[in-house]
Each structure stands twice: as structure tokens, then as C-alpha cells.
Amino acid sequence: MTAGHICFYVRTPIGRFGGLPSMVRADDLGTIPLRALMAQSADVDWRSMP
């Protein structure tokens, strides 16, 4: 098994209950931190991940 390490962290947008983020689908909201992590880790070959 390949070991994984957490090197960065980011958060999704937050807002009041029923506010703007509630109009965004959960899977679309999840792409925000993933894209940010990928941008911060530009030297990682993301295509080689299992």
C-alpha cells in the first residue's frame, strides 16, 4: 500500500444557512478545495495517482 500524506489544507466557502453555498451542488462545492490543493501542489503528478 502506498502511504499518503497531507501537505496542505483548504476550506470550502461558508455562509449563512440557506445562503449562496446552499445553491451549489455538493460535488461542485467539493471541487473548490481540490482545485486549490492541486494549484498549491503544482509539482505533483496528479495523473499518476491510483
PDB file of N, CA and C in Angstrom:
ATOM      1  N   MET A   1       0.849  -1.174   0.000  1.00  0.00           N
ATOM      2  CA  MET A   1       0.000   0.000   0.000  1.00  0.00           C
ATOM      3  C   MET A   1       0.897   1.240   0.000  1.00  0.00           C
ATOM      4  N   THR A   2       0.522   2.221  -0.793  1.00  0.00           N
ATOM      5  CA  THR A   2       1.261   3.474  -0.855  1.00  0.00           C
ATOM      6  C   THR A   2       0.817   4.393   0.272  1.00  0.00           C
ATOM      7  N   ALA A   3       1.779   5.006   0.934  1.00  0.00           N
ATOM      8  CA  ALA A   3       1.459   5.926   2.035  1.00  0.00           C
ATOM      9  C   ALA A   3       0.986   7.259   1.469  1.00  0.00           C
ATOM     10  N   GLY A   4       0.058   7.866   2.150  1.00  0.00           N
ATOM     11  CA  GLY A   4      -0.413   9.199   1.772  1.00  0.00           C
ATOM     12  C   GLY A   4      -0.079  10.200   2.859  1.00  0.00           C
ATOM     13  N   HIS A   5       0.143  11.430   2.459  1.00  0.00           N
ATOM     14  CA  HIS A   5       0.490  12.473   3.405  1.00  0.00           C
ATOM     15  C   HIS A   5      -0.321  13.723   3.109  1.00  0.00           C
ATOM     16  N   ILE A   6      -0.795  14.379   4.143  1.00  0.00           N
ATOM     17  CA  ILE A   6      -1.493  15.644   3.983  1.00  0.00           C
ATOM     18  C   ILE A   6      -0.460  16.757   4.092  1.00  0.00           C
ATOM     19  N   CYS A   7      -0.335  17.542   3.018  1.00  0.00           N
ATOM     20  CA  CYS A   7       0.684  18.589   2.984  1.00  0.00           C
ATOM     21  C   CYS A   7       0.078  19.979   3.070  1.00  0.00           C
ATOM     22  N   PHE A   8      -1.154  20.123   2.632  1.00  0.00           N
ATOM     23  CA  PHE A   8      -1.845  21.407   2.622  1.00  0.00           C
ATOM     24  C   PHE A   8      -3.272  21.187   3.086  1.00  0.00           C
ATOM     25  N   TYR A   9      -3.934  22.253   3.429  1.00  0.00           N
ATOM     26  CA  TYR A   9      -5.362  22.161   3.695  1.00  0.00           C
ATOM     27  C   TYR A   9      -6.025  23.440   3.217  1.00  0.00           C
ATOM     28  N   VAL A  10      -7.243  23.315   2.815  1.00  0.00           N
ATOM     29  CA  VAL A  10      -8.065  24.450   2.412  1.00  0.00           C
ATOM     30  C   VAL A  10      -9.486  24.175   2.881  1.00  0.00           C
ATOM     31  N   ARG A  11     -10.299  25.201   2.873  1.00  0.00           N
ATOM     32  CA  ARG A  11     -11.692  25.041   3.300  1.00  0.00           C
ATOM     33  C   ARG A  11     -12.622  25.450   2.176  1.00  0.00           C
ATOM     34  N   THR A  12     -13.805  24.904   2.215  1.00  0.00           N
ATOM     35  CA  THR A  12     -14.836  25.319   1.277  1.00  0.00           C
ATOM     36  C   THR A  12     -15.440  26.624   1.770  1.00  0.00           C
ATOM     37  N   PRO A  13     -16.087  27.373   0.888  1.00  0.00           N
ATOM     38  CA  PRO A  13     -16.739  28.610   1.322  1.00  0.00           C
ATOM     39  C   PRO A  13     -17.817  28.303   2.357  1.00  0.00           C
ATOM     40  N   ILE A  14     -18.005  29.223   3.272  1.00  0.00           N
ATOM     41  CA  ILE A  14     -19.066  29.071   4.254  1.00  0.00           C
ATOM     42  C   ILE A  14     -19.985  30.282   4.162  1.00  0.00           C
ATOM     43  N   GLY A  15     -21.168  30.112   4.592  1.00  0.00           N
ATOM     44  CA  GLY A  15     -22.134  31.205   4.559  1.00  0.00           C
ATOM     45  C   GLY A  15     -23.270  30.908   5.511  1.00  0.00           C
ATOM     46  N   ARG A  16     -24.202  31.798   5.572  1.00  0.00           N
ATOM     47  CA  ARG A  16     -25.329  31.572   6.482  1.00  0.00           C
ATOM     48  C   ARG A  16     -26.221  30.463   5.931  1.00  0.00           C
ATOM     49  N   PHE A  17     -26.993  29.849   6.778  1.00  0.00           N
ATOM     50  CA  PHE A  17     -27.885  28.759   6.385  1.00  0.00           C
ATOM     51  C   PHE A  17     -28.847  29.245   5.309  1.00  0.00           C
ATOM     52  N   GLY A  18     -28.906  28.539   4.198  1.00  0.00           N
ATOM     53  CA  GLY A  18     -29.772  28.938   3.101  1.00  0.00           C
ATOM     54  C   GLY A  18     -29.176  30.024   2.229  1.00  0.00           C
ATOM     55  N   GLY A  19     -27.889  30.361   2.457  1.00  0.00           N
ATOM     56  CA  GLY A  19     -27.231  31.409   1.680  1.00  0.00           C
ATOM     57  C   GLY A  19     -26.702  30.877   0.356  1.00  0.00           C
ATOM     58  N   LEU A  20     -25.772  31.606  -0.232  1.00  0.00           N
ATOM     59  CA  LEU A  20     -25.252  31.284  -1.554  1.00  0.00           C
ATOM     60  C   LEU A  20     -24.714  29.862  -1.698  1.00  0.00           C
ATOM     61  N   PRO A  21     -23.873  29.350  -0.778  1.00  0.00           N
ATOM     62  CA  PRO A  21     -23.365  27.988  -0.971  1.00  0.00           C
ATOM     63  C   PRO A  21     -24.471  26.930  -1.029  1.00  0.00           C
ATOM     64  N   SER A  22     -25.646  27.207  -0.461  1.00  0.00           N
ATOM     65  CA  SER A  22     -26.721  26.220  -0.495  1.00  0.00           C
ATOM     66  C   SER A  22     -27.255  26.030  -1.910  1.00  0.00           C
ATOM     67  N   MET A  23     -26.964  26.976  -2.809  1.00  0.00           N
ATOM     68  CA  MET A  23     -27.439  26.875  -4.182  1.00  0.00           C
ATOM     69  C   MET A  23     -26.436  26.123  -5.063  1.00  0.00           C
ATOM     70  N   VAL A  24     -25.312  25.696  -4.497  1.00  0.00           N
ATOM     71  CA  VAL A  24     -24.273  24.995  -5.242  1.00  0.00           C
ATOM     72  C   VAL A  24     -24.351  23.514  -4.896  1.00  0.00           C
ATOM     73  N   ARG A  25     -24.295  22.658  -5.902  1.00  0.00           N
ATOM     74  CA  ARG A  25     -24.337  21.220  -5.647  1.00  0.00           C
ATOM     75  C   ARG A  25     -23.130  20.796  -4.825  1.00  0.00           C
ATOM     76  N   ALA A  26     -23.305  19.773  -4.000  1.00  0.00           N
ATOM     77  CA  ALA A  26     -22.236  19.320  -3.104  1.00  0.00           C
ATOM     78  C   ALA A  26     -20.989  18.893  -3.869  1.00  0.00           C
ATOM     79  N   ASP A  27     -21.170  18.186  -4.996  1.00  0.00           N
ATOM     80  CA  ASP A  27     -19.987  17.756  -5.739  1.00  0.00           C
ATOM     81  C   ASP A  27     -19.279  18.934  -6.399  1.00  0.00           C
ATOM     82  N   ASP A  28     -20.015  19.966  -6.797  1.00  0.00           N
ATOM     83  CA  ASP A  28     -19.382  21.171  -7.340  1.00  0.00           C
ATOM     84  C   ASP A  28     -18.654  21.936  -6.234  1.00  0.00           C
ATOM     85  N   LEU A  29     -19.247  21.978  -5.047  1.00  0.00           N
ATOM     86  CA  LEU A  29     -18.616  22.654  -3.919  1.00  0.00           C
ATOM     87  C   LEU A  29     -17.323  21.933  -3.525  1.00  0.00           C
ATOM     88  N   GLY A  30     -17.300  20.628  -3.663  1.00  0.00           N
ATOM     89  CA  GLY A  30     -16.104  19.855  -3.332  1.00  0.00           C
ATOM     90  C   GLY A  30     -14.942  20.095  -4.275  1.00  0.00           C
ATOM     91  N   THR A  31     -15.219  20.534  -5.493  1.00  0.00           N
ATOM     92  CA  THR A  31     -14.130  20.781  -6.441  1.00  0.00           C
ATOM     93  C   THR A  31     -13.324  22.025  -6.085  1.00  0.00           C
ATOM     94  N   ILE A  32     -13.905  22.945  -5.331  1.00  0.00           N
ATOM     95  CA  ILE A  32     -13.208  24.194  -4.980  1.00  0.00           C
ATOM     96  C   ILE A  32     -11.930  23.909  -4.187  1.00  0.00           C
ATOM     97  N   PRO A  33     -11.993  23.168  -3.081  1.00  0.00           N
ATOM     98  CA  PRO A  33     -10.736  22.910  -2.357  1.00  0.00           C
ATOM     99  C   PRO A  33      -9.800  21.976  -3.120  1.00  0.00           C
ATOM    100  N   LEU A  34     -10.348  21.043  -3.900  1.00  0.00           N
ATOM    101  CA  LEU A  34      -9.480  20.152  -4.666  1.00  0.00           C
ATOM    102  C   LEU A  34      -8.674  20.923  -5.703  1.00  0.00           C
ATOM    103  N   ARG A  35      -9.297  21.841  -6.395  1.00  0.00           N
ATOM    104  CA  ARG A  35      -8.579  22.655  -7.376  1.00  0.00           C
ATOM    105  C   ARG A  35      -7.532  23.528  -6.692  1.00  0.00           C
ATOM    106  N   ALA A  36      -7.867  24.066  -5.531  1.00  0.00           N
ATOM    107  CA  ALA A  36      -6.908  24.898  -4.801  1.00  0.00           C
ATOM    108  C   ALA A  36      -5.704  24.065  -4.352  1.00  0.00           C
ATOM    109  N   LEU A  37      -5.958  22.845  -3.857  1.00  0.00           N
ATOM    110  CA  LEU A  37      -4.851  21.977  -3.446  1.00  0.00           C
ATOM    111  C   LEU A  37      -3.976  21.601  -4.629  1.00  0.00           C
ATOM    112  N   MET A  38      -4.598  21.326  -5.762  1.00  0.00           N
ATOM    113  CA  MET A  38      -3.818  20.978  -6.951  1.00  0.00           C
ATOM    114  C   MET A  38      -2.977  22.168  -7.423  1.00  0.00           C
ATOM    115  N   ALA A  39      -3.514  23.361  -7.306  1.00  0.00           N
ATOM    116  CA  ALA A  39      -2.767  24.559  -7.706  1.00  0.00           C
ATOM    117  C   ALA A  39      -1.581  24.798  -6.766  1.00  0.00           C
ATOM    118  N   GLN A  40      -1.771  24.546  -5.471  1.00  0.00           N
ATOM    119  CA  GLN A  40      -0.695  24.728  -4.498  1.00  0.00           C
ATOM    120  C   GLN A  40       0.379  23.650  -4.635  1.00  0.00           C
ATOM    121  N   SER A  41       0.012  22.507  -5.203  1.00  0.00           N
ATOM    122  CA  SER A  41       0.929  21.373  -5.335  1.00  0.00           C
ATOM    123  C   SER A  41       1.205  21.111  -6.808  1.00  0.00           C
ATOM    124  N   ALA A  42       1.620  22.126  -7.524  1.00  0.00           N
ATOM    125  CA  ALA A  42       1.815  22.018  -8.970  1.00  0.00           C
ATOM    126  C   ALA A  42       2.893  21.001  -9.345  1.00  0.00           C
ATOM    127  N   ASP A  43       3.802  20.688  -8.431  1.00  0.00           N
ATOM    128  CA  ASP A  43       4.873  19.743  -8.743  1.00  0.00           C
ATOM    129  C   ASP A  43       4.443  18.281  -8.618  1.00  0.00           C
ATOM    130  N   VAL A  44       3.233  18.016  -8.154  1.00  0.00           N
ATOM    131  CA  VAL A  44       2.726  16.661  -8.016  1.00  0.00           C
ATOM    132  C   VAL A  44       2.161  16.182  -9.352  1.00  0.00           C
ATOM    133  N   ASP A  45       2.476  14.961  -9.737  1.00  0.00           N
ATOM    134  CA  ASP A  45       1.931  14.380 -10.956  1.00  0.00           C
ATOM    135  C   ASP A  45       0.577  13.751 -10.601  1.00  0.00           C
ATOM    136  N   TRP A  46      -0.477  14.512 -10.719  1.00  0.00           N
ATOM    137  CA  TRP A  46      -1.813  14.079 -10.315  1.00  0.00           C
ATOM    138  C   TRP A  46      -2.338  12.943 -11.177  1.00  0.00           C
ATOM    139  N   ARG A  47      -1.866  12.822 -12.392  1.00  0.00           N
ATOM    140  CA  ARG A  47      -2.351  11.764 -13.285  1.00  0.00           C
ATOM    141  C   ARG A  47      -1.814  10.384 -12.886  1.00  0.00           C
ATOM    142  N   SER A  48      -0.746  10.348 -12.121  1.00  0.00           N
ATOM    143  CA  SER A  48      -0.170   9.062 -11.726  1.00  0.00           C
ATOM    144  C   SER A  48      -0.806   8.509 -10.447  1.00  0.00           C
ATOM    145  N   MET A  49      -1.721   9.255  -9.841  1.00  0.00           N
ATOM    146  CA  MET A  49      -2.359   8.802  -8.617  1.00  0.00           C
ATOM    147  C   MET A  49      -3.305   7.636  -8.917  1.00  0.00           C
ATOM    148  N   PRO A  50      -3.323   6.606  -8.050  1.00  0.00           N
ATOM    149  CA  PRO A  50      -4.202   5.441  -8.290  1.00  0.00           C
ATOM    150  C   PRO A  50      -5.664   5.783  -8.147  1.00  0.00           C
TER     151      PRO A  50
END
